[in-house]
Structures are given as C-alpha cells and as structure tokens.
mmCIF file of all heavy atoms, coordinates in Angstrom:
data_MODEL
# 
_entry.id   MODEL 
# 
loop_
_atom_site.group_PDB 
_atom_site.id 
_atom_site.type_symbol 
_atom_site.label_atom_id 
_atom_site.label_alt_id 
_atom_site.label_comp_id 
_atom_site.label_asym_id 
_atom_site.label_entity_id 
_atom_site.label_seq_id 
_atom_site.pdbx_PDB_ins_code 
_atom_site.Cartn_x 
_atom_site.Cartn_y 
_atom_site.Cartn_z 
_atom_site.occupancy 
_atom_site.B_iso_or_equiv 
_atom_site.pdbx_formal_charge 
_atom_site.auth_seq_id 
_atom_site.auth_comp_id 
_atom_site.auth_asym_id 
_atom_site.auth_atom_id 
_atom_site.pdbx_PDB_model_num 
ATOM 1   N N   . TYR A 1 1  ? 95.498 187.723 166.972 1.00 0.00 ? 1  TYR A N   1 
ATOM 2   C CA  . TYR A 1 1  ? 94.083 187.929 167.250 1.00 0.00 ? 1  TYR A CA  1 
ATOM 3   C C   . TYR A 1 1  ? 93.959 189.041 168.272 1.00 0.00 ? 1  TYR A C   1 
ATOM 4   O O   . TYR A 1 1  ? 94.910 189.345 169.008 1.00 0.00 ? 1  TYR A O   1 
ATOM 5   C CB  . TYR A 1 1  ? 93.371 186.648 167.708 1.00 0.00 ? 1  TYR A CB  1 
ATOM 6   C CG  . TYR A 1 1  ? 93.931 185.981 168.934 1.00 0.00 ? 1  TYR A CG  1 
ATOM 7   C CD1 . TYR A 1 1  ? 93.630 186.446 170.221 1.00 0.00 ? 1  TYR A CD1 1 
ATOM 8   C CD2 . TYR A 1 1  ? 94.739 184.852 168.830 1.00 0.00 ? 1  TYR A CD2 1 
ATOM 9   C CE1 . TYR A 1 1  ? 94.126 185.828 171.343 1.00 0.00 ? 1  TYR A CE1 1 
ATOM 10  C CE2 . TYR A 1 1  ? 95.245 184.227 169.950 1.00 0.00 ? 1  TYR A CE2 1 
ATOM 11  C CZ  . TYR A 1 1  ? 94.934 184.705 171.205 1.00 0.00 ? 1  TYR A CZ  1 
ATOM 12  O OH  . TYR A 1 1  ? 95.436 184.085 172.323 1.00 0.00 ? 1  TYR A OH  1 
ATOM 13  N N   . GLN A 1 2  ? 92.790 189.659 168.312 1.00 0.00 ? 2  GLN A N   1 
ATOM 14  C CA  . GLN A 1 2  ? 92.574 190.808 169.192 1.00 0.00 ? 2  GLN A CA  1 
ATOM 15  C C   . GLN A 1 2  ? 91.366 190.570 170.073 1.00 0.00 ? 2  GLN A C   1 
ATOM 16  O O   . GLN A 1 2  ? 90.292 190.181 169.594 1.00 0.00 ? 2  GLN A O   1 
ATOM 17  C CB  . GLN A 1 2  ? 92.361 192.076 168.358 1.00 0.00 ? 2  GLN A CB  1 
ATOM 18  C CG  . GLN A 1 2  ? 92.075 193.320 169.184 1.00 0.00 ? 2  GLN A CG  1 
ATOM 19  C CD  . GLN A 1 2  ? 91.911 194.563 168.317 1.00 0.00 ? 2  GLN A CD  1 
ATOM 20  O OE1 . GLN A 1 2  ? 92.498 194.660 167.255 1.00 0.00 ? 2  GLN A OE1 1 
ATOM 21  N NE2 . GLN A 1 2  ? 91.109 195.493 168.773 1.00 0.00 ? 2  GLN A NE2 1 
ATOM 22  N N   . LEU A 1 3  ? 91.540 190.806 171.383 1.00 0.00 ? 3  LEU A N   1 
ATOM 23  C CA  . LEU A 1 3  ? 90.449 190.725 172.352 1.00 0.00 ? 3  LEU A CA  1 
ATOM 24  C C   . LEU A 1 3  ? 90.114 192.125 172.826 1.00 0.00 ? 3  LEU A C   1 
ATOM 25  O O   . LEU A 1 3  ? 91.011 192.891 173.199 1.00 0.00 ? 3  LEU A O   1 
ATOM 26  C CB  . LEU A 1 3  ? 90.850 189.845 173.538 1.00 0.00 ? 3  LEU A CB  1 
ATOM 27  C CG  . LEU A 1 3  ? 91.060 188.358 173.228 1.00 0.00 ? 3  LEU A CG  1 
ATOM 28  C CD1 . LEU A 1 3  ? 91.762 187.664 174.377 1.00 0.00 ? 3  LEU A CD1 1 
ATOM 29  C CD2 . LEU A 1 3  ? 89.731 187.674 172.931 1.00 0.00 ? 3  LEU A CD2 1 
ATOM 30  N N   . THR A 1 4  ? 88.833 192.475 172.812 1.00 0.00 ? 4  THR A N   1 
ATOM 31  C CA  . THR A 1 4  ? 88.398 193.820 173.172 1.00 0.00 ? 4  THR A CA  1 
ATOM 32  C C   . THR A 1 4  ? 87.336 193.748 174.262 1.00 0.00 ? 4  THR A C   1 
ATOM 33  O O   . THR A 1 4  ? 86.354 193.014 174.137 1.00 0.00 ? 4  THR A O   1 
ATOM 34  C CB  . THR A 1 4  ? 87.816 194.564 171.950 1.00 0.00 ? 4  THR A CB  1 
ATOM 35  O OG1 . THR A 1 4  ? 88.771 194.565 170.892 1.00 0.00 ? 4  THR A OG1 1 
ATOM 36  C CG2 . THR A 1 4  ? 87.447 195.993 172.305 1.00 0.00 ? 4  THR A CG2 1 
ATOM 37  N N   . ASP A 1 5  ? 87.549 194.515 175.344 1.00 0.00 ? 5  ASP A N   1 
ATOM 38  C CA  . ASP A 1 5  ? 86.565 194.637 176.420 1.00 0.00 ? 5  ASP A CA  1 
ATOM 39  C C   . ASP A 1 5  ? 86.140 196.097 176.523 1.00 0.00 ? 5  ASP A C   1 
ATOM 40  O O   . ASP A 1 5  ? 86.873 197.008 176.124 1.00 0.00 ? 5  ASP A O   1 
ATOM 41  C CB  . ASP A 1 5  ? 87.157 194.178 177.758 1.00 0.00 ? 5  ASP A CB  1 
ATOM 42  C CG  . ASP A 1 5  ? 87.375 192.680 177.793 1.00 0.00 ? 5  ASP A CG  1 
ATOM 43  O OD1 . ASP A 1 5  ? 86.386 191.945 177.886 1.00 0.00 ? 5  ASP A OD1 1 
ATOM 44  O OD2 . ASP A 1 5  ? 88.536 192.244 177.724 1.00 0.00 ? 5  ASP A OD2 1 
ATOM 45  N N   . GLY A 1 6  ? 84.964 196.327 177.082 1.00 0.00 ? 6  GLY A N   1 
ATOM 46  C CA  . GLY A 1 6  ? 84.476 197.695 177.233 1.00 0.00 ? 6  GLY A CA  1 
ATOM 47  C C   . GLY A 1 6  ? 83.489 197.800 178.376 1.00 0.00 ? 6  GLY A C   1 
ATOM 48  O O   . GLY A 1 6  ? 83.131 196.804 179.019 1.00 0.00 ? 6  GLY A O   1 
ATOM 49  N N   . ALA A 1 7  ? 83.052 199.019 178.642 1.00 0.00 ? 7  ALA A N   1 
ATOM 50  C CA  . ALA A 1 7  ? 82.087 199.275 179.713 1.00 0.00 ? 7  ALA A CA  1 
ATOM 51  C C   . ALA A 1 7  ? 81.158 200.400 179.289 1.00 0.00 ? 7  ALA A C   1 
ATOM 52  O O   . ALA A 1 7  ? 81.534 201.279 178.505 1.00 0.00 ? 7  ALA A O   1 
ATOM 53  C CB  . ALA A 1 7  ? 82.808 199.649 181.013 1.00 0.00 ? 7  ALA A CB  1 
ATOM 54  N N   . ASN A 1 8  ? 79.934 200.359 179.797 1.00 0.00 ? 8  ASN A N   1 
ATOM 55  C CA  . ASN A 1 8  ? 78.937 201.387 179.508 1.00 0.00 ? 8  ASN A CA  1 
ATOM 56  C C   . ASN A 1 8  ? 78.729 202.268 180.735 1.00 0.00 ? 8  ASN A C   1 
ATOM 57  O O   . ASN A 1 8  ? 78.596 201.764 181.859 1.00 0.00 ? 8  ASN A O   1 
ATOM 58  C CB  . ASN A 1 8  ? 77.591 200.746 179.121 1.00 0.00 ? 8  ASN A CB  1 
ATOM 59  C CG  . ASN A 1 8  ? 77.682 199.991 177.812 1.00 0.00 ? 8  ASN A CG  1 
ATOM 60  O OD1 . ASN A 1 8  ? 78.143 200.519 176.815 1.00 0.00 ? 8  ASN A OD1 1 
ATOM 61  N ND2 . ASN A 1 8  ? 77.251 198.736 177.809 1.00 0.00 ? 8  ASN A ND2 1 
ATOM 62  N N   . TYR A 1 9  ? 78.713 203.574 180.512 1.00 0.00 ? 9  TYR A N   1 
ATOM 63  C CA  . TYR A 1 9  ? 78.514 204.538 181.583 1.00 0.00 ? 9  TYR A CA  1 
ATOM 64  C C   . TYR A 1 9  ? 77.414 205.522 181.185 1.00 0.00 ? 9  TYR A C   1 
ATOM 65  O O   . TYR A 1 9  ? 77.188 205.771 179.999 1.00 0.00 ? 9  TYR A O   1 
ATOM 66  C CB  . TYR A 1 9  ? 79.794 205.336 181.863 1.00 0.00 ? 9  TYR A CB  1 
ATOM 67  C CG  . TYR A 1 9  ? 80.905 204.524 182.484 1.00 0.00 ? 9  TYR A CG  1 
ATOM 68  C CD1 . TYR A 1 9  ? 81.771 203.781 181.698 1.00 0.00 ? 9  TYR A CD1 1 
ATOM 69  C CD2 . TYR A 1 9  ? 81.096 204.510 183.867 1.00 0.00 ? 9  TYR A CD2 1 
ATOM 70  C CE1 . TYR A 1 9  ? 82.797 203.041 182.264 1.00 0.00 ? 9  TYR A CE1 1 
ATOM 71  C CE2 . TYR A 1 9  ? 82.119 203.768 184.439 1.00 0.00 ? 9  TYR A CE2 1 
ATOM 72  C CZ  . TYR A 1 9  ? 82.967 203.037 183.624 1.00 0.00 ? 9  TYR A CZ  1 
ATOM 73  O OH  . TYR A 1 9  ? 83.969 202.306 184.190 1.00 0.00 ? 9  TYR A OH  1 
ATOM 74  N N   . SER A 1 10 ? 76.759 206.075 182.172 1.00 0.00 ? 10 SER A N   1 
ATOM 75  C CA  . SER A 1 10 ? 75.828 207.179 181.942 1.00 0.00 ? 10 SER A CA  1 
ATOM 76  C C   . SER A 1 10 ? 76.281 208.365 182.781 1.00 0.00 ? 10 SER A C   1 
ATOM 77  O O   . SER A 1 10 ? 77.003 208.195 183.772 1.00 0.00 ? 10 SER A O   1 
ATOM 78  C CB  . SER A 1 10 ? 74.393 206.786 182.312 1.00 0.00 ? 10 SER A CB  1 
ATOM 79  O OG  . SER A 1 10 ? 74.277 206.594 183.715 1.00 0.00 ? 10 SER A OG  1 
ATOM 80  N N   . GLU A 1 11 ? 75.880 209.551 182.374 1.00 0.00 ? 11 GLU A N   1 
ATOM 81  C CA  . GLU A 1 11 ? 76.266 210.764 183.096 1.00 0.00 ? 11 GLU A CA  1 
ATOM 82  C C   . GLU A 1 11 ? 75.136 211.214 184.021 1.00 0.00 ? 11 GLU A C   1 
ATOM 83  O O   . GLU A 1 11 ? 73.986 211.308 183.604 1.00 0.00 ? 11 GLU A O   1 
ATOM 84  C CB  . GLU A 1 11 ? 76.608 211.883 182.115 1.00 0.00 ? 11 GLU A CB  1 
ATOM 85  C CG  . GLU A 1 11 ? 77.855 211.613 181.285 1.00 0.00 ? 11 GLU A CG  1 
ATOM 86  C CD  . GLU A 1 11 ? 78.216 212.791 180.405 1.00 0.00 ? 11 GLU A CD  1 
ATOM 87  O OE1 . GLU A 1 11 ? 77.391 213.727 180.292 1.00 0.00 ? 11 GLU A OE1 1 
ATOM 88  O OE2 . GLU A 1 11 ? 79.325 212.791 179.832 1.00 0.00 ? 11 GLU A OE2 1 
ATOM 89  N N   . LYS A 1 12 ? 75.485 211.449 185.274 1.00 0.00 ? 12 LYS A N   1 
ATOM 90  C CA  . LYS A 1 12 ? 74.526 211.930 186.266 1.00 0.00 ? 12 LYS A CA  1 
ATOM 91  C C   . LYS A 1 12 ? 74.920 213.345 186.672 1.00 0.00 ? 12 LYS A C   1 
ATOM 92  O O   . LYS A 1 12 ? 76.057 213.590 187.076 1.00 0.00 ? 12 LYS A O   1 
ATOM 93  C CB  . LYS A 1 12 ? 74.516 211.019 187.496 1.00 0.00 ? 12 LYS A CB  1 
ATOM 94  C CG  . LYS A 1 12 ? 73.956 209.630 187.245 1.00 0.00 ? 12 LYS A CG  1 
ATOM 95  C CD  . LYS A 1 12 ? 72.458 209.647 187.160 1.00 0.00 ? 12 LYS A CD  1 
ATOM 96  C CE  . LYS A 1 12 ? 71.903 208.231 187.092 1.00 0.00 ? 12 LYS A CE  1 
ATOM 97  N NZ  . LYS A 1 12 ? 70.424 208.217 187.061 1.00 0.00 ? 12 LYS A NZ  1 
ATOM 98  N N   . LYS A 1 13 ? 73.981 214.265 186.551 1.00 0.00 ? 13 LYS A N   1 
ATOM 99  C CA  . LYS A 1 13 ? 74.239 215.636 186.959 1.00 0.00 ? 13 LYS A CA  1 
ATOM 100 C C   . LYS A 1 13 ? 73.905 215.811 188.435 1.00 0.00 ? 13 LYS A C   1 
ATOM 101 O O   . LYS A 1 13 ? 72.810 215.468 188.887 1.00 0.00 ? 13 LYS A O   1 
ATOM 102 C CB  . LYS A 1 13 ? 73.411 216.599 186.107 1.00 0.00 ? 13 LYS A CB  1 
ATOM 103 C CG  . LYS A 1 13 ? 73.808 216.594 184.632 1.00 0.00 ? 13 LYS A CG  1 
ATOM 104 C CD  . LYS A 1 13 ? 73.000 217.588 183.829 1.00 0.00 ? 13 LYS A CD  1 
ATOM 105 C CE  . LYS A 1 13 ? 73.426 217.580 182.364 1.00 0.00 ? 13 LYS A CE  1 
ATOM 106 N NZ  . LYS A 1 13 ? 72.637 218.535 181.554 1.00 0.00 ? 13 LYS A NZ  1 
ATOM 107 N N   . VAL A 1 14 ? 74.867 216.334 189.183 1.00 0.00 ? 14 VAL A N   1 
ATOM 108 C CA  . VAL A 1 14 ? 74.712 216.536 190.623 1.00 0.00 ? 14 VAL A CA  1 
ATOM 109 C C   . VAL A 1 14 ? 74.724 218.030 190.902 1.00 0.00 ? 14 VAL A C   1 
ATOM 110 O O   . VAL A 1 14 ? 75.632 218.740 190.443 1.00 0.00 ? 14 VAL A O   1 
ATOM 111 C CB  . VAL A 1 14 ? 75.849 215.843 191.399 1.00 0.00 ? 14 VAL A CB  1 
ATOM 112 C CG1 . VAL A 1 14 ? 75.694 216.081 192.896 1.00 0.00 ? 14 VAL A CG1 1 
ATOM 113 C CG2 . VAL A 1 14 ? 75.849 214.345 191.107 1.00 0.00 ? 14 VAL A CG2 1 
ATOM 114 N N   . PRO A 1 15 ? 73.722 218.548 191.617 1.00 0.00 ? 15 PRO A N   1 
ATOM 115 C CA  . PRO A 1 15 ? 73.688 219.987 191.926 1.00 0.00 ? 15 PRO A CA  1 
ATOM 116 C C   . PRO A 1 15 ? 74.961 220.447 192.635 1.00 0.00 ? 15 PRO A C   1 
ATOM 117 O O   . PRO A 1 15 ? 75.444 219.782 193.551 1.00 0.00 ? 15 PRO A O   1 
ATOM 118 C CB  . PRO A 1 15 ? 72.461 220.114 192.835 1.00 0.00 ? 15 PRO A CB  1 
ATOM 119 C CG  . PRO A 1 15 ? 71.599 218.936 192.501 1.00 0.00 ? 15 PRO A CG  1 
ATOM 120 C CD  . PRO A 1 15 ? 72.553 217.836 192.156 1.00 0.00 ? 15 PRO A CD  1 
ATOM 121 N N   . GLY A 1 16 ? 75.507 221.560 192.192 1.00 0.00 ? 16 GLY A N   1 
ATOM 122 C CA  . GLY A 1 16 ? 76.681 222.135 192.829 1.00 0.00 ? 16 GLY A CA  1 
ATOM 123 C C   . GLY A 1 16 ? 77.997 221.706 192.211 1.00 0.00 ? 16 GLY A C   1 
ATOM 124 O O   . GLY A 1 16 ? 79.045 222.247 192.556 1.00 0.00 ? 16 GLY A O   1 
ATOM 125 N N   . LEU A 1 17 ? 77.971 220.754 191.276 1.00 0.00 ? 17 LEU A N   1 
ATOM 126 C CA  . LEU A 1 17 ? 79.201 220.309 190.620 1.00 0.00 ? 17 LEU A CA  1 
ATOM 127 C C   . LEU A 1 17 ? 79.308 220.943 189.236 1.00 0.00 ? 17 LEU A C   1 
ATOM 128 O O   . LEU A 1 17 ? 78.302 221.160 188.558 1.00 0.00 ? 17 LEU A O   1 
ATOM 129 C CB  . LEU A 1 17 ? 79.228 218.788 190.480 1.00 0.00 ? 17 LEU A CB  1 
ATOM 130 C CG  . LEU A 1 17 ? 79.398 217.966 191.756 1.00 0.00 ? 17 LEU A CG  1 
ATOM 131 C CD1 . LEU A 1 17 ? 79.559 216.493 191.391 1.00 0.00 ? 17 LEU A CD1 1 
ATOM 132 C CD2 . LEU A 1 17 ? 80.598 218.443 192.555 1.00 0.00 ? 17 LEU A CD2 1 
ATOM 133 N N   . ASP A 1 18 ? 80.561 221.184 188.826 1.00 0.00 ? 18 ASP A N   1 
ATOM 134 C CA  . ASP A 1 18 ? 80.783 221.780 187.506 1.00 0.00 ? 18 ASP A CA  1 
ATOM 135 C C   . ASP A 1 18 ? 80.489 220.806 186.377 1.00 0.00 ? 18 ASP A C   1 
ATOM 136 O O   . ASP A 1 18 ? 80.106 221.207 185.281 1.00 0.00 ? 18 ASP A O   1 
ATOM 137 C CB  . ASP A 1 18 ? 82.239 222.261 187.380 1.00 0.00 ? 18 ASP A CB  1 
ATOM 138 C CG  . ASP A 1 18 ? 82.525 223.438 188.297 1.00 0.00 ? 18 ASP A CG  1 
ATOM 139 O OD1 . ASP A 1 18 ? 81.571 224.176 188.612 1.00 0.00 ? 18 ASP A OD1 1 
ATOM 140 O OD2 . ASP A 1 18 ? 83.687 223.596 188.699 1.00 0.00 ? 18 ASP A OD2 1 
ATOM 141 N N   . GLY A 1 19 ? 80.694 219.531 186.635 1.00 0.00 ? 19 GLY A N   1 
ATOM 142 C CA  . GLY A 1 19 ? 80.482 218.525 185.596 1.00 0.00 ? 19 GLY A CA  1 
ATOM 143 C C   . GLY A 1 19 ? 79.721 217.328 186.116 1.00 0.00 ? 19 GLY A C   1 
ATOM 144 O O   . GLY A 1 19 ? 79.516 217.172 187.322 1.00 0.00 ? 19 GLY A O   1 
ATOM 145 N N   . PRO A 1 20 ? 79.279 216.432 185.221 1.00 0.00 ? 20 PRO A N   1 
ATOM 146 C CA  . PRO A 1 20 ? 78.509 215.256 185.625 1.00 0.00 ? 20 PRO A CA  1 
ATOM 147 C C   . PRO A 1 20 ? 79.391 214.186 186.265 1.00 0.00 ? 20 PRO A C   1 
ATOM 148 O O   . PRO A 1 20 ? 80.615 214.183 186.108 1.00 0.00 ? 20 PRO A O   1 
ATOM 149 C CB  . PRO A 1 20 ? 77.919 214.758 184.302 1.00 0.00 ? 20 PRO A CB  1 
ATOM 150 C CG  . PRO A 1 20 ? 78.921 215.184 183.279 1.00 0.00 ? 20 PRO A CG  1 
ATOM 151 C CD  . PRO A 1 20 ? 79.458 216.508 183.759 1.00 0.00 ? 20 PRO A CD  1 
ATOM 152 N N   . VAL A 1 21 ? 78.748 213.274 186.987 1.00 0.00 ? 21 VAL A N   1 
ATOM 153 C CA  . VAL A 1 21 ? 79.410 212.114 187.577 1.00 0.00 ? 21 VAL A CA  1 
ATOM 154 C C   . VAL A 1 21 ? 79.103 210.914 186.689 1.00 0.00 ? 21 VAL A C   1 
ATOM 155 O O   . VAL A 1 21 ? 77.962 210.695 186.286 1.00 0.00 ? 21 VAL A O   1 
ATOM 156 C CB  . VAL A 1 21 ? 78.911 211.852 189.009 1.00 0.00 ? 21 VAL A CB  1 
ATOM 157 C CG1 . VAL A 1 21 ? 79.521 210.567 189.560 1.00 0.00 ? 21 VAL A CG1 1 
ATOM 158 C CG2 . VAL A 1 21 ? 79.246 213.028 189.909 1.00 0.00 ? 21 VAL A CG2 1 
ATOM 159 N N   . LEU A 1 22 ? 80.136 210.145 186.371 1.00 0.00 ? 22 LEU A N   1 
ATOM 160 C CA  . LEU A 1 22 ? 79.941 208.961 185.552 1.00 0.00 ? 22 LEU A CA  1 
ATOM 161 C C   . LEU A 1 22 ? 79.417 207.817 186.405 1.00 0.00 ? 22 LEU A C   1 
ATOM 162 O O   . LEU A 1 22 ? 79.980 207.507 187.461 1.00 0.00 ? 22 LEU A O   1 
ATOM 163 C CB  . LEU A 1 22 ? 81.247 208.541 184.884 1.00 0.00 ? 22 LEU A CB  1 
ATOM 164 C CG  . LEU A 1 22 ? 81.758 209.426 183.743 1.00 0.00 ? 22 LEU A CG  1 
ATOM 165 C CD1 . LEU A 1 22 ? 83.060 208.861 183.193 1.00 0.00 ? 22 LEU A CD1 1 
ATOM 166 C CD2 . LEU A 1 22 ? 80.732 209.530 182.631 1.00 0.00 ? 22 LEU A CD2 1 
ATOM 167 N N   . GLN A 1 23 ? 78.335 207.188 185.941 1.00 0.00 ? 23 GLN A N   1 
ATOM 168 C CA  . GLN A 1 23 ? 77.769 206.039 186.639 1.00 0.00 ? 23 GLN A CA  1 
ATOM 169 C C   . GLN A 1 23 ? 77.964 204.796 185.790 1.00 0.00 ? 23 GLN A C   1 
ATOM 170 O O   . GLN A 1 23 ? 77.581 204.752 184.627 1.00 0.00 ? 23 GLN A O   1 
ATOM 171 C CB  . GLN A 1 23 ? 76.276 206.228 186.910 1.00 0.00 ? 23 GLN A CB  1 
ATOM 172 C CG  . GLN A 1 23 ? 75.651 205.018 187.608 1.00 0.00 ? 23 GLN A CG  1 
ATOM 173 C CD  . GLN A 1 23 ? 74.142 205.139 187.717 1.00 0.00 ? 23 GLN A CD  1 
ATOM 174 O OE1 . GLN A 1 23 ? 73.571 206.106 187.234 1.00 0.00 ? 23 GLN A OE1 1 
ATOM 175 N NE2 . GLN A 1 23 ? 73.508 204.163 188.342 1.00 0.00 ? 23 GLN A NE2 1 
ATOM 176 N N   . TYR A 1 24 ? 78.579 203.799 186.385 1.00 0.00 ? 24 TYR A N   1 
ATOM 177 C CA  . TYR A 1 24 ? 78.795 202.531 185.681 1.00 0.00 ? 24 TYR A CA  1 
ATOM 178 C C   . TYR A 1 24 ? 77.459 201.825 185.483 1.00 0.00 ? 24 TYR A C   1 
ATOM 179 O O   . TYR A 1 24 ? 76.690 201.650 186.424 1.00 0.00 ? 24 TYR A O   1 
ATOM 180 C CB  . TYR A 1 24 ? 79.746 201.645 186.482 1.00 0.00 ? 24 TYR A CB  1 
ATOM 181 C CG  . TYR A 1 24 ? 79.942 200.264 185.911 1.00 0.00 ? 24 TYR A CG  1 
ATOM 182 C CD1 . TYR A 1 24 ? 80.790 200.054 184.823 1.00 0.00 ? 24 TYR A CD1 1 
ATOM 183 C CD2 . TYR A 1 24 ? 79.284 199.165 186.460 1.00 0.00 ? 24 TYR A CD2 1 
ATOM 184 C CE1 . TYR A 1 24 ? 80.980 198.778 184.307 1.00 0.00 ? 24 TYR A CE1 1 
ATOM 185 C CE2 . TYR A 1 24 ? 79.468 197.900 185.948 1.00 0.00 ? 24 TYR A CE2 1 
ATOM 186 C CZ  . TYR A 1 24 ? 80.318 197.715 184.864 1.00 0.00 ? 24 TYR A CZ  1 
ATOM 187 O OH  . TYR A 1 24 ? 80.491 196.448 184.354 1.00 0.00 ? 24 TYR A OH  1 
# 
C-alpha cells in the first residue's frame, strides 16, 4: 500500500529579489 502526503504553497514576489518566496 502507498501513503502520500503533500503541501500547498503560494509564490510571493518581494521587491529586490530575483525570484519569488514560497509561502506555506
């Protein structure tokens, strides 16, 4: 049998950063 867990994140754009910050 298989057990699967996961998480949801959204991307937050922060001024001055090259990429977004992941928010749980």
